[in-house]
């Protein structure tokens, strides 16, 4: 099984077409994809978490 790809925040923002400020506002409301903080302080988003977030957005739109 392939390891879960870890996306950098700019990659996530580009994919969801959102500014960093808007993303953090959404995150403050608990509506953003889950992020992980690496030991070096960098932020990443697992591909599986982003895909699950997309699926939940589709369910909410239906």
PDB file of N, CA and C in Angstrom:
ATOM      1  N   UNK A   1       0.844  -1.187   0.000  1.00  0.00           N
ATOM      2  CA  UNK A   1       0.000   0.000   0.000  1.00  0.00           C
ATOM      3  C   UNK A   1       0.885   1.245   0.000  1.00  0.00           C
ATOM      4  N   UNK A   2       0.561   2.187  -0.847  1.00  0.00           N
ATOM      5  CA  UNK A   2       1.357   3.413  -0.952  1.00  0.00           C
ATOM      6  C   UNK A   2       1.157   4.273   0.286  1.00  0.00           C
ATOM      7  N   UNK A   3       2.221   4.973   0.644  1.00  0.00           N
ATOM      8  CA  UNK A   3       2.118   5.880   1.787  1.00  0.00           C
ATOM      9  C   UNK A   3       1.242   7.067   1.419  1.00  0.00           C
ATOM     10  N   UNK A   4       0.553   7.581   2.420  1.00  0.00           N
ATOM     11  CA  UNK A   4      -0.344   8.716   2.224  1.00  0.00           C
ATOM     12  C   UNK A   4       0.474   9.971   1.909  1.00  0.00           C
ATOM     13  N   UNK A   5       0.248  10.557   0.744  1.00  0.00           N
ATOM     14  CA  UNK A   5       0.978  11.751   0.339  1.00  0.00           C
ATOM     15  C   UNK A   5       0.681  12.893   1.307  1.00  0.00           C
ATOM     16  N   UNK A   6       1.702  13.675   1.633  1.00  0.00           N
ATOM     17  CA  UNK A   6       1.533  14.822   2.513  1.00  0.00           C
ATOM     18  C   UNK A   6       1.730  16.090   1.685  1.00  0.00           C
ATOM     19  N   UNK A   7       0.680  16.877   1.596  1.00  0.00           N
ATOM     20  CA  UNK A   7       0.687  18.081   0.767  1.00  0.00           C
ATOM     21  C   UNK A   7       1.085  19.301   1.588  1.00  0.00           C
ATOM     22  N   UNK A   8       1.856  20.185   0.975  1.00  0.00           N
ATOM     23  CA  UNK A   8       2.191  21.451   1.615  1.00  0.00           C
ATOM     24  C   UNK A   8       0.964  22.358   1.547  1.00  0.00           C
ATOM     25  N   UNK A   9       0.881  23.287   2.498  1.00  0.00           N
ATOM     26  CA  UNK A   9      -0.279  24.174   2.547  1.00  0.00           C
ATOM     27  C   UNK A   9      -0.514  24.925   1.233  1.00  0.00           C
ATOM     28  N   UNK A  10       0.528  25.479   0.575  1.00  0.00           N
ATOM     29  CA  UNK A  10       0.259  26.142  -0.712  1.00  0.00           C
ATOM     30  C   UNK A  10      -0.372  25.212  -1.753  1.00  0.00           C
ATOM     31  N   UNK A  11      -0.002  23.928  -1.730  1.00  0.00           N
ATOM     32  CA  UNK A  11      -0.602  22.958  -2.654  1.00  0.00           C
ATOM     33  C   UNK A  11      -2.079  22.759  -2.332  1.00  0.00           C
ATOM     34  N   UNK A  12      -2.395  22.700  -1.043  1.00  0.00           N
ATOM     35  CA  UNK A  12      -3.795  22.548  -0.625  1.00  0.00           C
ATOM     36  C   UNK A  12      -4.588  23.785  -1.037  1.00  0.00           C
ATOM     37  N   UNK A  13      -4.037  24.968  -0.764  1.00  0.00           N
ATOM     38  CA  UNK A  13      -4.734  26.212  -1.103  1.00  0.00           C
ATOM     39  C   UNK A  13      -4.987  26.318  -2.597  1.00  0.00           C
ATOM     40  N   UNK A  14      -4.020  25.885  -3.406  1.00  0.00           N
ATOM     41  CA  UNK A  14      -4.201  25.917  -4.859  1.00  0.00           C
ATOM     42  C   UNK A  14      -5.304  24.952  -5.284  1.00  0.00           C
ATOM     43  N   UNK A  15      -5.298  23.755  -4.701  1.00  0.00           N
ATOM     44  CA  UNK A  15      -6.308  22.763  -5.085  1.00  0.00           C
ATOM     45  C   UNK A  15      -7.720  23.211  -4.723  1.00  0.00           C
ATOM     46  N   UNK A  16      -7.882  23.812  -3.544  1.00  0.00           N
ATOM     47  CA  UNK A  16      -9.233  24.219  -3.133  1.00  0.00           C
ATOM     48  C   UNK A  16      -9.555  25.652  -3.560  1.00  0.00           C
ATOM     49  N   UNK A  17      -8.582  26.311  -4.227  1.00  0.00           N
ATOM     50  CA  UNK A  17      -8.762  27.664  -4.767  1.00  0.00           C
ATOM     51  C   UNK A  17      -9.209  28.627  -3.671  1.00  0.00           C
ATOM     52  N   UNK A  18      -8.349  28.759  -2.655  1.00  0.00           N
ATOM     53  CA  UNK A  18      -8.696  29.587  -1.509  1.00  0.00           C
ATOM     54  C   UNK A  18      -7.445  30.319  -1.023  1.00  0.00           C
ATOM     55  N   UNK A  19      -7.640  31.518  -0.520  1.00  0.00           N
ATOM     56  CA  UNK A  19      -6.515  32.262   0.051  1.00  0.00           C
ATOM     57  C   UNK A  19      -6.152  31.678   1.410  1.00  0.00           C
ATOM     58  N   UNK A  20      -4.940  31.956   1.841  1.00  0.00           N
ATOM     59  CA  UNK A  20      -4.482  31.489   3.153  1.00  0.00           C
ATOM     60  C   UNK A  20      -5.376  32.067   4.260  1.00  0.00           C
ATOM     61  N   UNK A  21      -5.726  33.351   4.157  1.00  0.00           N
ATOM     62  CA  UNK A  21      -6.557  33.992   5.181  1.00  0.00           C
ATOM     63  C   UNK A  21      -7.936  33.330   5.249  1.00  0.00           C
ATOM     64  N   UNK A  22      -8.550  33.081   4.100  1.00  0.00           N
ATOM     65  CA  UNK A  22      -9.863  32.439   4.081  1.00  0.00           C
ATOM     66  C   UNK A  22      -9.777  31.019   4.637  1.00  0.00           C
ATOM     67  N   UNK A  23      -8.684  30.323   4.315  1.00  0.00           N
ATOM     68  CA  UNK A  23      -8.490  28.956   4.821  1.00  0.00           C
ATOM     69  C   UNK A  23      -8.429  28.957   6.346  1.00  0.00           C
ATOM     70  N   UNK A  24      -7.656  29.883   6.912  1.00  0.00           N
ATOM     71  CA  UNK A  24      -7.519  29.921   8.368  1.00  0.00           C
ATOM     72  C   UNK A  24      -8.812  30.367   9.052  1.00  0.00           C
ATOM     73  N   UNK A  25      -9.614  31.215   8.393  1.00  0.00           N
ATOM     74  CA  UNK A  25     -10.941  31.545   8.950  1.00  0.00           C
ATOM     75  C   UNK A  25     -11.816  30.298   8.982  1.00  0.00           C
ATOM     76  N   UNK A  26     -11.789  29.532   7.894  1.00  0.00           N
ATOM     77  CA  UNK A  26     -12.565  28.291   7.826  1.00  0.00           C
ATOM     78  C   UNK A  26     -12.053  27.292   8.862  1.00  0.00           C
ATOM     79  N   UNK A  27     -10.745  27.247   9.037  1.00  0.00           N
ATOM     80  CA  UNK A  27     -10.150  26.341  10.021  1.00  0.00           C
ATOM     81  C   UNK A  27     -10.580  26.719  11.437  1.00  0.00           C
ATOM     82  N   UNK A  28     -10.663  28.004  11.723  1.00  0.00           N
ATOM     83  CA  UNK A  28     -11.088  28.478  13.042  1.00  0.00           C
ATOM     84  C   UNK A  28     -12.526  28.043  13.342  1.00  0.00           C
ATOM     85  N   UNK A  29     -13.336  27.899  12.298  1.00  0.00           N
ATOM     86  CA  UNK A  29     -14.721  27.432  12.462  1.00  0.00           C
ATOM     87  C   UNK A  29     -14.822  25.904  12.452  1.00  0.00           C
ATOM     88  N   UNK A  30     -13.682  25.235  12.312  1.00  0.00           N
ATOM     89  CA  UNK A  30     -13.680  23.770  12.305  1.00  0.00           C
ATOM     90  C   UNK A  30     -14.170  23.163  11.008  1.00  0.00           C
ATOM     91  N   UNK A  31     -14.072  23.903   9.921  1.00  0.00           N
ATOM     92  CA  UNK A  31     -14.613  23.443   8.630  1.00  0.00           C
ATOM     93  C   UNK A  31     -13.537  23.124   7.595  1.00  0.00           C
ATOM     94  N   UNK A  32     -12.270  23.227   7.967  1.00  0.00           N
ATOM     95  CA  UNK A  32     -11.174  23.020   7.016  1.00  0.00           C
ATOM     96  C   UNK A  32     -10.666  21.586   7.088  1.00  0.00           C
ATOM     97  N   UNK A  33      -9.941  21.156   6.057  1.00  0.00           N
ATOM     98  CA  UNK A  33      -9.307  19.842   6.115  1.00  0.00           C
ATOM     99  C   UNK A  33      -8.335  19.773   7.299  1.00  0.00           C
ATOM    100  N   UNK A  34      -8.173  18.589   7.841  1.00  0.00           N
ATOM    101  CA  UNK A  34      -7.272  18.382   8.973  1.00  0.00           C
ATOM    102  C   UNK A  34      -5.823  18.603   8.540  1.00  0.00           C
ATOM    103  N   UNK A  35      -5.071  19.301   9.374  1.00  0.00           N
ATOM    104  CA  UNK A  35      -3.653  19.548   9.127  1.00  0.00           C
ATOM    105  C   UNK A  35      -2.819  18.827  10.171  1.00  0.00           C
ATOM    106  N   UNK A  36      -1.579  18.538   9.806  1.00  0.00           N
ATOM    107  CA  UNK A  36      -0.633  17.973  10.760  1.00  0.00           C
ATOM    108  C   UNK A  36       0.586  18.881  10.797  1.00  0.00           C
ATOM    109  N   UNK A  37       1.195  18.980  11.976  1.00  0.00           N
ATOM    110  CA  UNK A  37       2.403  19.783  12.130  1.00  0.00           C
ATOM    111  C   UNK A  37       3.570  18.830  12.304  1.00  0.00           C
ATOM    112  N   UNK A  38       4.548  18.955  11.426  1.00  0.00           N
ATOM    113  CA  UNK A  38       5.730  18.101  11.472  1.00  0.00           C
ATOM    114  C   UNK A  38       6.668  18.562  12.587  1.00  0.00           C
ATOM    115  N   UNK A  39       7.571  17.704  13.014  1.00  0.00           N
ATOM    116  CA  UNK A  39       8.515  18.084  14.072  1.00  0.00           C
ATOM    117  C   UNK A  39       9.328  19.343  13.751  1.00  0.00           C
ATOM    118  N   UNK A  40       9.538  19.615  12.479  1.00  0.00           N
ATOM    119  CA  UNK A  40      10.300  20.824  12.093  1.00  0.00           C
ATOM    120  C   UNK A  40       9.416  22.072  12.023  1.00  0.00           C
ATOM    121  N   UNK A  41       8.142  21.930  12.381  1.00  0.00           N
ATOM    122  CA  UNK A  41       7.217  23.063  12.415  1.00  0.00           C
ATOM    123  C   UNK A  41       6.431  23.285  11.145  1.00  0.00           C
ATOM    124  N   UNK A  42       6.781  22.566  10.078  1.00  0.00           N
ATOM    125  CA  UNK A  42       6.050  22.730   8.823  1.00  0.00           C
ATOM    126  C   UNK A  42       4.660  22.095   8.922  1.00  0.00           C
ATOM    127  N   UNK A  43       3.727  22.655   8.167  1.00  0.00           N
ATOM    128  CA  UNK A  43       2.333  22.186   8.147  1.00  0.00           C
ATOM    129  C   UNK A  43       2.118  21.342   6.900  1.00  0.00           C
ATOM    130  N   UNK A  44       1.415  20.237   7.064  1.00  0.00           N
ATOM    131  CA  UNK A  44       1.072  19.364   5.936  1.00  0.00           C
ATOM    132  C   UNK A  44      -0.383  18.919   6.067  1.00  0.00           C
ATOM    133  N   UNK A  45      -0.936  18.486   4.945  1.00  0.00           N
ATOM    134  CA  UNK A  45      -2.273  17.899   4.911  1.00  0.00           C
ATOM    135  C   UNK A  45      -2.158  16.561   4.202  1.00  0.00           C
ATOM    136  N   UNK A  46      -2.610  15.517   4.849  1.00  0.00           N
ATOM    137  CA  UNK A  46      -2.594  14.200   4.204  1.00  0.00           C
ATOM    138  C   UNK A  46      -3.573  14.197   3.035  1.00  0.00           C
ATOM    139  N   UNK A  47      -3.181  13.563   1.948  1.00  0.00           N
ATOM    140  CA  UNK A  47      -4.058  13.449   0.773  1.00  0.00           C
ATOM    141  C   UNK A  47      -5.390  12.827   1.179  1.00  0.00           C
ATOM    142  N   UNK A  48      -5.362  11.811   2.039  1.00  0.00           N
ATOM    143  CA  UNK A  48      -6.606  11.142   2.456  1.00  0.00           C
ATOM    144  C   UNK A  48      -7.511  12.096   3.236  1.00  0.00           C
ATOM    145  N   UNK A  49      -6.926  12.979   4.067  1.00  0.00           N
ATOM    146  CA  UNK A  49      -7.733  13.956   4.810  1.00  0.00           C
ATOM    147  C   UNK A  49      -8.352  14.981   3.863  1.00  0.00           C
ATOM    148  N   UNK A  50      -7.588  15.416   2.854  1.00  0.00           N
ATOM    149  CA  UNK A  50      -8.121  16.375   1.892  1.00  0.00           C
ATOM    150  C   UNK A  50      -9.230  15.734   1.053  1.00  0.00           C
ATOM    151  N   UNK A  51      -9.031  14.484   0.635  1.00  0.00           N
ATOM    152  CA  UNK A  51     -10.067  13.781  -0.128  1.00  0.00           C
ATOM    153  C   UNK A  51     -11.336  13.598   0.702  1.00  0.00           C
ATOM    154  N   UNK A  52     -11.175  13.279   1.990  1.00  0.00           N
ATOM    155  CA  UNK A  52     -12.344  13.124   2.871  1.00  0.00           C
ATOM    156  C   UNK A  52     -13.066  14.464   3.038  1.00  0.00           C
ATOM    157  N   UNK A  53     -12.294  15.547   3.134  1.00  0.00           N
ATOM    158  CA  UNK A  53     -12.889  16.879   3.247  1.00  0.00           C
ATOM    159  C   UNK A  53     -13.699  17.205   1.988  1.00  0.00           C
ATOM    160  N   UNK A  54     -13.106  16.917   0.811  1.00  0.00           N
ATOM    161  CA  UNK A  54     -13.834  17.147  -0.454  1.00  0.00           C
ATOM    162  C   UNK A  54     -15.146  16.371  -0.448  1.00  0.00           C
ATOM    163  N   UNK A  55     -15.097  15.108  -0.025  1.00  0.00           N
ATOM    164  CA  UNK A  55     -16.309  14.266   0.004  1.00  0.00           C
ATOM    165  C   UNK A  55     -17.360  14.873   0.931  1.00  0.00           C
ATOM    166  N   UNK A  56     -16.927  15.391   2.083  1.00  0.00           N
ATOM    167  CA  UNK A  56     -17.889  15.989   3.012  1.00  0.00           C
ATOM    168  C   UNK A  56     -18.494  17.267   2.435  1.00  0.00           C
ATOM    169  N   UNK A  57     -17.704  18.017   1.648  1.00  0.00           N
ATOM    170  CA  UNK A  57     -18.242  19.227   1.018  1.00  0.00           C
ATOM    171  C   UNK A  57     -19.293  18.857  -0.026  1.00  0.00           C
ATOM    172  N   UNK A  58     -19.063  17.767  -0.743  1.00  0.00           N
ATOM    173  CA  UNK A  58     -20.036  17.308  -1.737  1.00  0.00           C
ATOM    174  C   UNK A  58     -21.323  16.865  -1.058  1.00  0.00           C
ATOM    175  N   UNK A  59     -21.205  16.169   0.084  1.00  0.00           N
ATOM    176  CA  UNK A  59     -22.396  15.727   0.821  1.00  0.00           C
ATOM    177  C   UNK A  59     -23.195  16.919   1.318  1.00  0.00           C
ATOM    178  N   UNK A  60     -22.489  17.954   1.808  1.00  0.00           N
ATOM    179  CA  UNK A  60     -23.165  19.147   2.323  1.00  0.00           C
ATOM    180  C   UNK A  60     -23.873  19.929   1.217  1.00  0.00           C
ATOM    181  N   UNK A  61     -23.365  19.835  -0.005  1.00  0.00           N
ATOM    182  CA  UNK A  61     -23.943  20.563  -1.121  1.00  0.00           C
ATOM    183  C   UNK A  61     -25.182  19.863  -1.681  1.00  0.00           C
ATOM    184  N   UNK A  62     -25.308  18.587  -1.404  1.00  0.00           N
ATOM    185  CA  UNK A  62     -26.412  17.807  -1.974  1.00  0.00           C
ATOM    186  C   UNK A  62     -27.740  18.110  -1.300  1.00  0.00           C
TER     187      UNK A  62
END
